[in-house]
Amino acid sequence: PRWGKMVAPGIYGPNHQHFFNFRLDMSIDGAGNSVYEVDSVPGPDPALNPHRNAWITKDTLVASEAEGARDWNWSTGRYWKVANP
């Protein structure tokens, strides 16, 4: 689905927001973690989203610790996710 994800067969989870703040130990499960910057952006087709109130998420891999110095982006609700493949 365009404005969210299928979370189980026949169950759709629309994109929505929650705000939590944590201090995390990123190496608790080893050093093989990846960090992604996630921005919420309006869909590319205004005809499918005329009120511009639905969005998709864009994940960008943070390739190095040096590249990881990031700023909060108020216009995209930026957040970061840690994945351990």
N, C-alpha and C. Protein backbone atom coordinates (compact mmCIF):
# COMPACT_ATOMS: atom_id res chain seq x y z
N PRO A 1 0.82 -1.20 0.00
CA PRO A 1 0.00 0.00 0.00
C PRO A 1 0.86 1.27 0.00
N ARG A 2 0.36 2.26 -0.63
CA ARG A 2 1.13 3.47 -0.84
C ARG A 2 1.39 4.27 0.43
N TRP A 3 0.40 4.41 1.30
CA TRP A 3 0.53 5.30 2.45
C TRP A 3 0.78 4.56 3.75
N GLY A 4 1.37 3.38 3.67
CA GLY A 4 1.69 2.60 4.86
C GLY A 4 2.27 1.26 4.47
N LYS A 5 2.13 0.30 5.36
CA LYS A 5 2.67 -1.04 5.14
C LYS A 5 1.64 -2.09 5.54
N MET A 6 1.72 -3.25 4.92
CA MET A 6 0.94 -4.40 5.36
C MET A 6 1.67 -4.98 6.57
N VAL A 7 1.01 -5.05 7.72
CA VAL A 7 1.65 -5.54 8.93
C VAL A 7 1.33 -7.01 9.19
N ALA A 8 0.33 -7.54 8.53
CA ALA A 8 -0.04 -8.95 8.58
C ALA A 8 -1.00 -9.18 7.42
N PRO A 9 -1.27 -10.42 7.05
CA PRO A 9 -2.21 -10.65 5.95
C PRO A 9 -3.55 -9.97 6.21
N GLY A 10 -3.94 -9.09 5.31
CA GLY A 10 -5.22 -8.39 5.41
C GLY A 10 -5.24 -7.24 6.42
N ILE A 11 -4.09 -6.90 7.01
CA ILE A 11 -4.05 -5.81 8.00
C ILE A 11 -3.09 -4.73 7.52
N TYR A 12 -3.64 -3.55 7.32
CA TYR A 12 -2.89 -2.41 6.80
C TYR A 12 -2.59 -1.44 7.94
N GLY A 13 -1.35 -1.01 8.05
CA GLY A 13 -0.97 -0.01 9.05
C GLY A 13 -0.63 1.29 8.35
N PRO A 14 -1.49 2.31 8.42
CA PRO A 14 -1.19 3.57 7.75
C PRO A 14 -0.05 4.30 8.44
N ASN A 15 0.68 5.10 7.68
CA ASN A 15 1.73 5.93 8.25
C ASN A 15 1.11 6.88 9.27
N HIS A 16 1.73 6.98 10.44
CA HIS A 16 1.30 7.90 11.48
C HIS A 16 2.50 8.20 12.37
N GLN A 17 2.34 9.09 13.32
CA GLN A 17 3.49 9.53 14.10
C GLN A 17 3.31 9.27 15.59
N HIS A 18 4.42 8.90 16.22
CA HIS A 18 4.58 8.84 17.67
C HIS A 18 5.95 9.42 17.95
N PHE A 19 6.12 10.06 19.06
CA PHE A 19 7.42 10.63 19.40
C PHE A 19 7.90 10.05 20.72
N PHE A 20 9.06 9.41 20.68
CA PHE A 20 9.70 8.84 21.86
C PHE A 20 11.16 9.29 21.85
N ASN A 21 11.75 9.42 23.00
CA ASN A 21 13.15 9.79 23.10
C ASN A 21 13.87 8.77 23.97
N PHE A 22 15.00 8.27 23.47
CA PHE A 22 15.78 7.26 24.18
C PHE A 22 17.26 7.55 24.00
N ARG A 23 18.05 7.06 24.93
CA ARG A 23 19.50 6.97 24.74
C ARG A 23 19.76 5.50 24.50
N LEU A 24 20.44 5.19 23.42
CA LEU A 24 20.62 3.80 23.01
C LEU A 24 22.08 3.40 22.97
N ASP A 25 22.34 2.16 23.33
CA ASP A 25 23.66 1.56 23.14
C ASP A 25 23.60 0.83 21.80
N MET A 26 24.17 1.42 20.76
CA MET A 26 24.05 0.89 19.41
C MET A 26 24.85 -0.39 19.17
N SER A 27 25.75 -0.74 20.06
CA SER A 27 26.55 -1.95 19.83
C SER A 27 26.13 -3.10 20.74
N ILE A 28 24.93 -3.05 21.28
CA ILE A 28 24.49 -4.08 22.21
C ILE A 28 24.34 -5.45 21.53
N ASP A 29 24.05 -5.47 20.25
CA ASP A 29 23.90 -6.73 19.53
C ASP A 29 25.03 -6.94 18.53
N GLY A 30 26.17 -6.33 18.78
CA GLY A 30 27.31 -6.47 17.89
C GLY A 30 27.58 -5.20 17.12
N ALA A 31 28.61 -5.27 16.32
CA ALA A 31 29.04 -4.08 15.58
C ALA A 31 28.49 -4.04 14.16
N GLY A 32 27.68 -5.01 13.77
CA GLY A 32 27.19 -5.07 12.39
C GLY A 32 25.91 -4.32 12.16
N ASN A 33 25.66 -3.25 12.89
CA ASN A 33 24.43 -2.48 12.74
C ASN A 33 24.51 -1.49 11.58
N SER A 34 23.36 -1.14 11.06
CA SER A 34 23.24 -0.09 10.05
C SER A 34 22.28 0.96 10.58
N VAL A 35 22.54 2.21 10.24
CA VAL A 35 21.67 3.31 10.65
C VAL A 35 21.05 3.91 9.39
N TYR A 36 19.74 4.13 9.44
CA TYR A 36 19.02 4.74 8.34
C TYR A 36 18.37 6.03 8.82
N GLU A 37 18.48 7.06 8.01
CA GLU A 37 17.76 8.30 8.23
C GLU A 37 16.43 8.15 7.49
N VAL A 38 15.33 8.46 8.15
CA VAL A 38 14.02 8.27 7.55
C VAL A 38 13.29 9.60 7.53
N ASP A 39 12.88 10.02 6.34
CA ASP A 39 12.11 11.25 6.16
C ASP A 39 10.73 10.91 5.64
N SER A 40 9.73 11.61 6.14
CA SER A 40 8.36 11.48 5.64
C SER A 40 8.17 12.54 4.57
N VAL A 41 7.77 12.12 3.39
CA VAL A 41 7.61 13.04 2.26
C VAL A 41 6.27 12.80 1.59
N PRO A 42 5.62 13.84 1.05
CA PRO A 42 4.37 13.65 0.34
C PRO A 42 4.58 12.74 -0.87
N GLY A 43 3.55 12.01 -1.21
CA GLY A 43 3.63 11.17 -2.40
C GLY A 43 3.87 12.01 -3.64
N PRO A 44 4.45 11.42 -4.68
CA PRO A 44 4.83 12.18 -5.87
C PRO A 44 3.66 12.59 -6.76
N ASP A 45 2.49 11.99 -6.58
CA ASP A 45 1.38 12.25 -7.49
C ASP A 45 0.26 13.01 -6.77
N PRO A 46 0.16 14.33 -6.95
CA PRO A 46 -0.88 15.12 -6.28
C PRO A 46 -2.30 14.64 -6.59
N ALA A 47 -2.51 14.00 -7.73
CA ALA A 47 -3.85 13.51 -8.06
C ALA A 47 -4.30 12.42 -7.09
N LEU A 48 -3.35 11.65 -6.55
CA LEU A 48 -3.67 10.59 -5.59
C LEU A 48 -3.70 11.11 -4.15
N ASN A 49 -3.19 12.31 -3.93
CA ASN A 49 -3.10 12.89 -2.59
C ASN A 49 -3.38 14.39 -2.68
N PRO A 50 -4.61 14.77 -3.09
CA PRO A 50 -4.89 16.18 -3.38
C PRO A 50 -4.75 17.10 -2.17
N HIS A 51 -4.95 16.59 -0.96
CA HIS A 51 -4.85 17.43 0.23
C HIS A 51 -3.45 17.41 0.84
N ARG A 52 -2.56 16.62 0.25
CA ARG A 52 -1.16 16.50 0.67
C ARG A 52 -1.04 16.11 2.16
N ASN A 53 -1.99 15.29 2.64
CA ASN A 53 -1.97 14.88 4.03
C ASN A 53 -1.59 13.41 4.21
N ALA A 54 -1.21 12.76 3.14
CA ALA A 54 -0.71 11.38 3.22
C ALA A 54 0.73 11.39 2.74
N TRP A 55 1.53 10.48 3.29
CA TRP A 55 2.95 10.52 2.96
C TRP A 55 3.54 9.13 2.85
N ILE A 56 4.72 9.09 2.27
CA ILE A 56 5.52 7.88 2.19
C ILE A 56 6.81 8.15 2.96
N THR A 57 7.54 7.10 3.27
CA THR A 57 8.81 7.30 3.95
C THR A 57 9.96 7.00 3.00
N LYS A 58 11.02 7.78 3.15
CA LYS A 58 12.22 7.63 2.33
C LYS A 58 13.38 7.30 3.26
N ASP A 59 13.94 6.09 3.12
CA ASP A 59 15.06 5.65 3.94
C ASP A 59 16.38 5.94 3.23
N THR A 60 17.33 6.52 3.96
CA THR A 60 18.67 6.79 3.43
C THR A 60 19.69 6.16 4.37
N LEU A 61 20.50 5.26 3.86
CA LEU A 61 21.54 4.62 4.66
C LEU A 61 22.60 5.65 5.04
N VAL A 62 22.93 5.71 6.33
CA VAL A 62 24.04 6.55 6.79
C VAL A 62 25.28 5.68 6.68
N ALA A 63 26.13 5.99 5.74
CA ALA A 63 27.20 5.08 5.34
C ALA A 63 28.38 5.03 6.31
N SER A 64 28.59 6.08 7.09
CA SER A 64 29.75 6.08 7.99
C SER A 64 29.43 6.92 9.23
N GLU A 65 30.23 6.73 10.26
CA GLU A 65 30.05 7.51 11.48
C GLU A 65 30.28 8.99 11.19
N ALA A 66 31.27 9.30 10.36
CA ALA A 66 31.55 10.69 10.00
C ALA A 66 30.36 11.32 9.27
N GLU A 67 29.69 10.55 8.45
CA GLU A 67 28.52 11.04 7.73
C GLU A 67 27.30 11.14 8.66
N GLY A 68 27.37 10.51 9.81
CA GLY A 68 26.23 10.42 10.71
C GLY A 68 25.88 11.70 11.46
N ALA A 69 26.68 12.74 11.36
CA ALA A 69 26.33 14.01 12.00
C ALA A 69 25.16 14.60 11.23
N ARG A 70 23.99 14.52 11.81
CA ARG A 70 22.76 14.91 11.12
C ARG A 70 22.01 15.95 11.92
N ASP A 71 21.10 16.64 11.26
CA ASP A 71 20.22 17.60 11.90
C ASP A 71 18.79 17.10 11.80
N TRP A 72 18.01 17.45 12.80
CA TRP A 72 16.57 17.19 12.76
C TRP A 72 15.99 18.02 11.63
N ASN A 73 15.06 17.46 10.89
CA ASN A 73 14.40 18.20 9.81
C ASN A 73 12.92 18.30 10.16
N TRP A 74 12.49 19.47 10.61
CA TRP A 74 11.11 19.66 11.04
C TRP A 74 10.12 19.40 9.91
N SER A 75 10.48 19.72 8.68
CA SER A 75 9.52 19.59 7.58
C SER A 75 9.29 18.14 7.17
N THR A 76 10.17 17.22 7.54
CA THR A 76 9.99 15.82 7.15
C THR A 76 9.77 14.89 8.34
N GLY A 77 9.77 15.42 9.56
CA GLY A 77 9.62 14.55 10.73
C GLY A 77 10.73 13.52 10.81
N ARG A 78 11.93 13.92 10.47
CA ARG A 78 13.07 13.00 10.35
C ARG A 78 13.27 12.19 11.63
N TYR A 79 13.56 10.91 11.43
CA TYR A 79 13.99 10.06 12.53
C TYR A 79 15.01 9.08 12.01
N TRP A 80 15.61 8.33 12.90
CA TRP A 80 16.65 7.38 12.53
C TRP A 80 16.26 6.01 13.02
N LYS A 81 16.57 4.99 12.25
CA LYS A 81 16.32 3.62 12.70
C LYS A 81 17.62 2.83 12.61
N VAL A 82 17.78 1.92 13.54
CA VAL A 82 18.96 1.06 13.59
C VAL A 82 18.51 -0.34 13.22
N ALA A 83 19.21 -0.94 12.28
CA ALA A 83 18.87 -2.29 11.82
C ALA A 83 20.10 -3.18 11.96
N ASN A 84 19.87 -4.40 12.34
CA ASN A 84 20.94 -5.38 12.43
C ASN A 84 20.57 -6.52 11.50
N PRO A 85 21.14 -6.50 10.29
CA PRO A 85 20.74 -7.50 9.28
C PRO A 85 21.08 -8.92 9.60
